[in-house]
C-alpha atoms as a PDB file:
ATOM      1  CA  UNK A   1      24.469  -9.133 -41.993  1.00  0.00           C
ATOM      2  CA  UNK A   2      25.801  -6.163 -43.774  1.00  0.00           C
ATOM      3  CA  UNK A   3      28.905  -4.118 -42.968  1.00  0.00           C
ATOM      4  CA  UNK A   4      29.571  -3.167 -39.388  1.00  0.00           C
ATOM      5  CA  UNK A   5      25.964  -2.388 -38.506  1.00  0.00           C
ATOM      6  CA  UNK A   6      24.867  -4.004 -35.281  1.00  0.00           C
ATOM      7  CA  UNK A   7      21.596  -5.944 -35.555  1.00  0.00           C
ATOM      8  CA  UNK A   8      18.764  -4.376 -33.511  1.00  0.00           C
ATOM      9  CA  UNK A   9      18.131  -7.701 -31.765  1.00  0.00           C
ATOM     10  CA  UNK A  10      21.669  -7.847 -30.359  1.00  0.00           C
ATOM     11  CA  UNK A  11      22.073  -5.058 -27.759  1.00  0.00           C
ATOM     12  CA  UNK A  12      25.306  -5.070 -25.815  1.00  0.00           C
ATOM     13  CA  UNK A  13      27.339  -6.589 -28.646  1.00  0.00           C
ATOM     14  CA  UNK A  14      30.663  -5.202 -29.827  1.00  0.00           C
ATOM     15  CA  UNK A  15      30.386  -2.931 -32.865  1.00  0.00           C
ATOM     16  CA  UNK A  16      32.756  -5.078 -34.915  1.00  0.00           C
ATOM     17  CA  UNK A  17      32.401  -8.731 -35.825  1.00  0.00           C
ATOM     18  CA  UNK A  18      35.154 -11.318 -35.366  1.00  0.00           C
ATOM     19  CA  UNK A  19      37.253 -12.278 -38.428  1.00  0.00           C
ATOM     20  CA  UNK A  20      34.861 -15.163 -39.173  1.00  0.00           C
ATOM     21  CA  UNK A  21      31.893 -12.740 -39.306  1.00  0.00           C
ATOM     22  CA  UNK A  22      30.248 -13.578 -35.956  1.00  0.00           C
ATOM     23  CA  UNK A  23      29.253 -10.946 -33.411  1.00  0.00           C
ATOM     24  CA  UNK A  24      30.937 -11.130 -30.029  1.00  0.00           C
ATOM     25  CA  UNK A  25      29.876  -9.934 -26.587  1.00  0.00           C
ATOM     26  CA  UNK A  26      32.283  -7.674 -24.683  1.00  0.00           C
ATOM     27  CA  UNK A  27      34.274  -9.280 -21.845  1.00  0.00           C
ATOM     28  CA  UNK A  28      32.414  -9.523 -18.535  1.00  0.00           C
ATOM     29  CA  UNK A  29      33.264  -7.048 -15.798  1.00  0.00           C
ATOM     30  CA  UNK A  30      33.108  -9.734 -13.084  1.00  0.00           C
ATOM     31  CA  UNK A  31      33.953 -13.407 -12.791  1.00  0.00           C
ATOM     32  CA  UNK A  32      31.352 -14.541 -10.226  1.00  0.00           C
ATOM     33  CA  UNK A  33      27.565 -14.185 -10.357  1.00  0.00           C
ATOM     34  CA  UNK A  34      25.755 -11.681  -8.169  1.00  0.00           C
ATOM     35  CA  UNK A  35      23.317 -13.550  -5.952  1.00  0.00           C
ATOM     36  CA  UNK A  36      20.745 -11.510  -4.071  1.00  0.00           C
ATOM     37  CA  UNK A  37      23.308  -8.776  -3.497  1.00  0.00           C
ATOM     38  CA  UNK A  38      25.240 -11.116  -1.223  1.00  0.00           C
ATOM     39  CA  UNK A  39      28.397 -11.544  -3.291  1.00  0.00           C
ATOM     40  CA  UNK A  40      30.331 -10.646  -0.133  1.00  0.00           C
ATOM     41  CA  UNK A  41      28.654 -13.430   1.888  1.00  0.00           C
ATOM     42  CA  UNK A  42      25.698 -11.382   3.049  1.00  0.00           C
ATOM     43  CA  UNK A  43      25.048  -9.753   6.372  1.00  0.00           C
ATOM     44  CA  UNK A  44      26.907 -10.866   9.460  1.00  0.00           C
ATOM     45  CA  UNK A  45      24.998 -12.634  12.218  1.00  0.00           C
ATOM     46  CA  UNK A  46      26.790 -13.332  15.456  1.00  0.00           C
ATOM     47  CA  UNK A  47      30.126 -12.392  13.896  1.00  0.00           C
ATOM     48  CA  UNK A  48      29.706 -14.826  10.954  1.00  0.00           C
ATOM     49  CA  UNK A  49      28.559 -14.297   7.394  1.00  0.00           C
ATOM     50  CA  UNK A  50      25.021 -15.529   6.834  1.00  0.00           C
ATOM     51  CA  UNK A  51      26.138 -17.722   3.913  1.00  0.00           C
ATOM     52  CA  UNK A  52      28.526 -19.579   6.252  1.00  0.00           C
ATOM     53  CA  UNK A  53      25.696 -20.061   8.735  1.00  0.00           C
ATOM     54  CA  UNK A  54      23.390 -21.405   6.018  1.00  0.00           C
ATOM     55  CA  UNK A  55      26.068 -23.800   4.746  1.00  0.00           C
ATOM     56  CA  UNK A  56      26.682 -25.113   8.270  1.00  0.00           C
ATOM     57  CA  UNK A  57      22.940 -25.513   8.842  1.00  0.00           C
ATOM     58  CA  UNK A  58      22.506 -27.513   5.641  1.00  0.00           C
ATOM     59  CA  UNK A  59      25.529 -29.700   6.422  1.00  0.00           C
ATOM     60  CA  UNK A  60      24.168 -30.378   9.932  1.00  0.00           C
ATOM     61  CA  UNK A  61      20.708 -31.154   8.535  1.00  0.00           C
ATOM     62  CA  UNK A  62      22.177 -33.786   6.212  1.00  0.00           C
ATOM     63  CA  UNK A  63      24.112 -35.318   9.103  1.00  0.00           C
ATOM     64  CA  UNK A  64      20.951 -35.440  11.239  1.00  0.00           C
ATOM     65  CA  UNK A  65      18.967 -37.008   8.386  1.00  0.00           C
ATOM     66  CA  UNK A  66      21.717 -39.586   7.823  1.00  0.00           C
ATOM     67  CA  UNK A  67      21.761 -40.467  11.521  1.00  0.00           C
ATOM     68  CA  UNK A  68      17.960 -40.772  11.576  1.00  0.00           C
ATOM     69  CA  UNK A  69      18.028 -43.095   8.563  1.00  0.00           C
ATOM     70  CA  UNK A  70      20.694 -45.223  10.253  1.00  0.00           C
ATOM     71  CA  UNK A  71      18.699 -45.405  13.480  1.00  0.00           C
ATOM     72  CA  UNK A  72      15.532 -46.233  11.543  1.00  0.00           C
ATOM     73  CA  UNK A  73      17.375 -49.013   9.752  1.00  0.00           C
ATOM     74  CA  UNK A  74      18.654 -50.385  13.066  1.00  0.00           C
ATOM     75  CA  UNK A  75      15.139 -50.265  14.550  1.00  0.00           C
ATOM     76  CA  UNK A  76      13.720 -52.063  11.499  1.00  0.00           C
ATOM     77  CA  UNK A  77      16.410 -54.723  11.866  1.00  0.00           C
ATOM     78  CA  UNK A  78      15.472 -55.266  15.508  1.00  0.00           C
ATOM     79  CA  UNK A  79      11.762 -55.509  14.686  1.00  0.00           C
ATOM     80  CA  UNK A  80      12.315 -57.863  11.794  1.00  0.00           C
ATOM     81  CA  UNK A  81      14.300 -60.393  13.797  1.00  0.00           C
ATOM     82  CA  UNK A  82      12.485 -63.637  14.372  1.00  0.00           C
ATOM     83  CA  UNK A  83      13.017 -63.585  18.124  1.00  0.00           C
ATOM     84  CA  UNK A  84       9.817 -62.763  20.004  1.00  0.00           C
ATOM     85  CA  UNK A  85       9.712 -59.255  21.424  1.00  0.00           C
ATOM     86  CA  UNK A  86       7.989 -58.219  24.561  1.00  0.00           C
ATOM     87  CA  UNK A  87       5.609 -55.306  24.922  1.00  0.00           C
ATOM     88  CA  UNK A  88       8.024 -53.546  27.307  1.00  0.00           C
ATOM     89  CA  UNK A  89      10.826 -53.435  24.692  1.00  0.00           C
ATOM     90  CA  UNK A  90       8.494 -52.151  21.982  1.00  0.00           C
ATOM     91  CA  UNK A  91       7.137 -49.514  24.365  1.00  0.00           C
ATOM     92  CA  UNK A  92      10.679 -48.340  25.234  1.00  0.00           C
ATOM     93  CA  UNK A  93      11.581 -47.994  21.528  1.00  0.00           C
ATOM     94  CA  UNK A  94       8.378 -46.057  20.883  1.00  0.00           C
ATOM     95  CA  UNK A  95       9.129 -43.697  23.787  1.00  0.00           C
ATOM     96  CA  UNK A  96      12.658 -43.080  22.505  1.00  0.00           C
ATOM     97  CA  UNK A  97      11.330 -42.422  19.002  1.00  0.00           C
ATOM     98  CA  UNK A  98       8.678 -40.018  20.297  1.00  0.00           C
ATOM     99  CA  UNK A  99      11.082 -37.942  22.374  1.00  0.00           C
ATOM    100  CA  UNK A 100      13.583 -37.819  19.509  1.00  0.00           C
ATOM    101  CA  UNK A 101      10.874 -36.599  17.104  1.00  0.00           C
ATOM    102  CA  UNK A 102       9.801 -33.897  19.572  1.00  0.00           C
ATOM    103  CA  UNK A 103      13.409 -32.720  19.973  1.00  0.00           C
ATOM    104  CA  UNK A 104      13.942 -32.658  16.195  1.00  0.00           C
ATOM    105  CA  UNK A 105      10.713 -30.672  15.785  1.00  0.00           C
ATOM    106  CA  UNK A 106      11.937 -28.114  18.330  1.00  0.00           C
ATOM    107  CA  UNK A 107      15.325 -27.847  16.627  1.00  0.00           C
ATOM    108  CA  UNK A 108      13.741 -27.391  13.198  1.00  0.00           C
ATOM    109  CA  UNK A 109      11.316 -24.758  14.516  1.00  0.00           C
ATOM    110  CA  UNK A 110      14.148 -22.804  16.161  1.00  0.00           C
ATOM    111  CA  UNK A 111      16.221 -22.930  12.971  1.00  0.00           C
ATOM    112  CA  UNK A 112      13.239 -21.858  10.861  1.00  0.00           C
ATOM    113  CA  UNK A 113      12.377 -18.902  13.088  1.00  0.00           C
ATOM    114  CA  UNK A 114      16.020 -17.791  13.298  1.00  0.00           C
ATOM    115  CA  UNK A 115      16.275 -17.849   9.495  1.00  0.00           C
ATOM    116  CA  UNK A 116      12.969 -15.976   9.089  1.00  0.00           C
ATOM    117  CA  UNK A 117      14.108 -13.341  11.604  1.00  0.00           C
ATOM    118  CA  UNK A 118      17.305 -12.734   9.618  1.00  0.00           C
ATOM    119  CA  UNK A 119      15.434 -12.553   6.314  1.00  0.00           C
ATOM    120  CA  UNK A 120      12.813 -10.170   7.700  1.00  0.00           C
ATOM    121  CA  UNK A 121      15.538  -7.896   9.068  1.00  0.00           C
ATOM    122  CA  UNK A 122      17.102  -7.829   5.600  1.00  0.00           C
ATOM    123  CA  UNK A 123      13.727  -7.041   3.979  1.00  0.00           C
ATOM    124  CA  UNK A 124      13.066  -4.243   6.486  1.00  0.00           C
ATOM    125  CA  UNK A 125      16.495  -2.781   5.855  1.00  0.00           C
ATOM    126  CA  UNK A 126      16.033  -2.843   2.077  1.00  0.00           C
ATOM    127  CA  UNK A 127      12.527  -1.365   2.397  1.00  0.00           C
ATOM    128  CA  UNK A 128      13.929   1.467   4.557  1.00  0.00           C
ATOM    129  CA  UNK A 129      16.723   2.108   2.041  1.00  0.00           C
ATOM    130  CA  UNK A 130      14.198   2.195  -0.801  1.00  0.00           C
ATOM    131  CA  UNK A 131      11.881   4.572   1.086  1.00  0.00           C
ATOM    132  CA  UNK A 132      14.775   6.917   1.932  1.00  0.00           C
ATOM    133  CA  UNK A 133      15.902   7.026  -1.706  1.00  0.00           C
ATOM    134  CA  UNK A 134      12.297   7.695  -2.806  1.00  0.00           C
ATOM    135  CA  UNK A 135      12.054  10.582  -0.315  1.00  0.00           C
ATOM    136  CA  UNK A 136      15.242  12.092  -1.739  1.00  0.00           C
ATOM    137  CA  UNK A 137      13.830  11.862  -5.277  1.00  0.00           C
ATOM    138  CA  UNK A 138      10.475  13.348  -4.274  1.00  0.00           C
ATOM    139  CA  UNK A 139      11.903  16.245  -2.267  1.00  0.00           C
ATOM    140  CA  UNK A 140      11.737  19.568  -4.176  1.00  0.00           C
ATOM    141  CA  UNK A 141      15.159  21.039  -4.869  1.00  0.00           C
ATOM    142  CA  UNK A 142      14.111  24.672  -4.356  1.00  0.00           C
ATOM    143  CA  UNK A 143      10.450  25.575  -3.876  1.00  0.00           C
ATOM    144  CA  UNK A 144      10.969  29.086  -5.254  1.00  0.00           C
ATOM    145  CA  UNK A 145      12.349  27.924  -8.625  1.00  0.00           C
ATOM    146  CA  UNK A 146      10.538  26.155 -11.484  1.00  0.00           C
ATOM    147  CA  UNK A 147      11.944  23.279 -13.555  1.00  0.00           C
ATOM    148  CA  UNK A 148      13.853  25.641 -15.834  1.00  0.00           C
ATOM    149  CA  UNK A 149      15.521  27.355 -12.871  1.00  0.00           C
ATOM    150  CA  UNK A 150      13.502  30.563 -13.229  1.00  0.00           C
ATOM    151  CA  UNK A 151      12.448  32.144  -9.919  1.00  0.00           C
ATOM    152  CA  UNK A 152       8.673  32.160  -9.338  1.00  0.00           C
END
């Protein structure tokens, strides 16, 4: 590299190299990444930030999965015991399993639809903002004046 000329392939670099001859990027203006425009935690739902709600949902999901694995392990232990089991006991376990699966399905469906509702509201809001800004750009400033400002 010659002199203080910035290479064309390095946009955004400082105009001067470090003492050892390497180019250096300017310091960042922020210390945290911007994620989907939600650096402030996103929109509020029910008085809470959406990111807090998502974190709680994920934490609860892991707890539910852990409990289901534990219960499955316990059921497998009971079935694997050498003691003979009656049809009534197996039927009761199957009924409990079925109603638990139905309840979990309902809970998951409710969570999914709540999350989709929030996301669709956000999309609609952004679409409306974009359409309003497009309308402002497309609106003529003064219909009686051309681009150079000369009256028609």
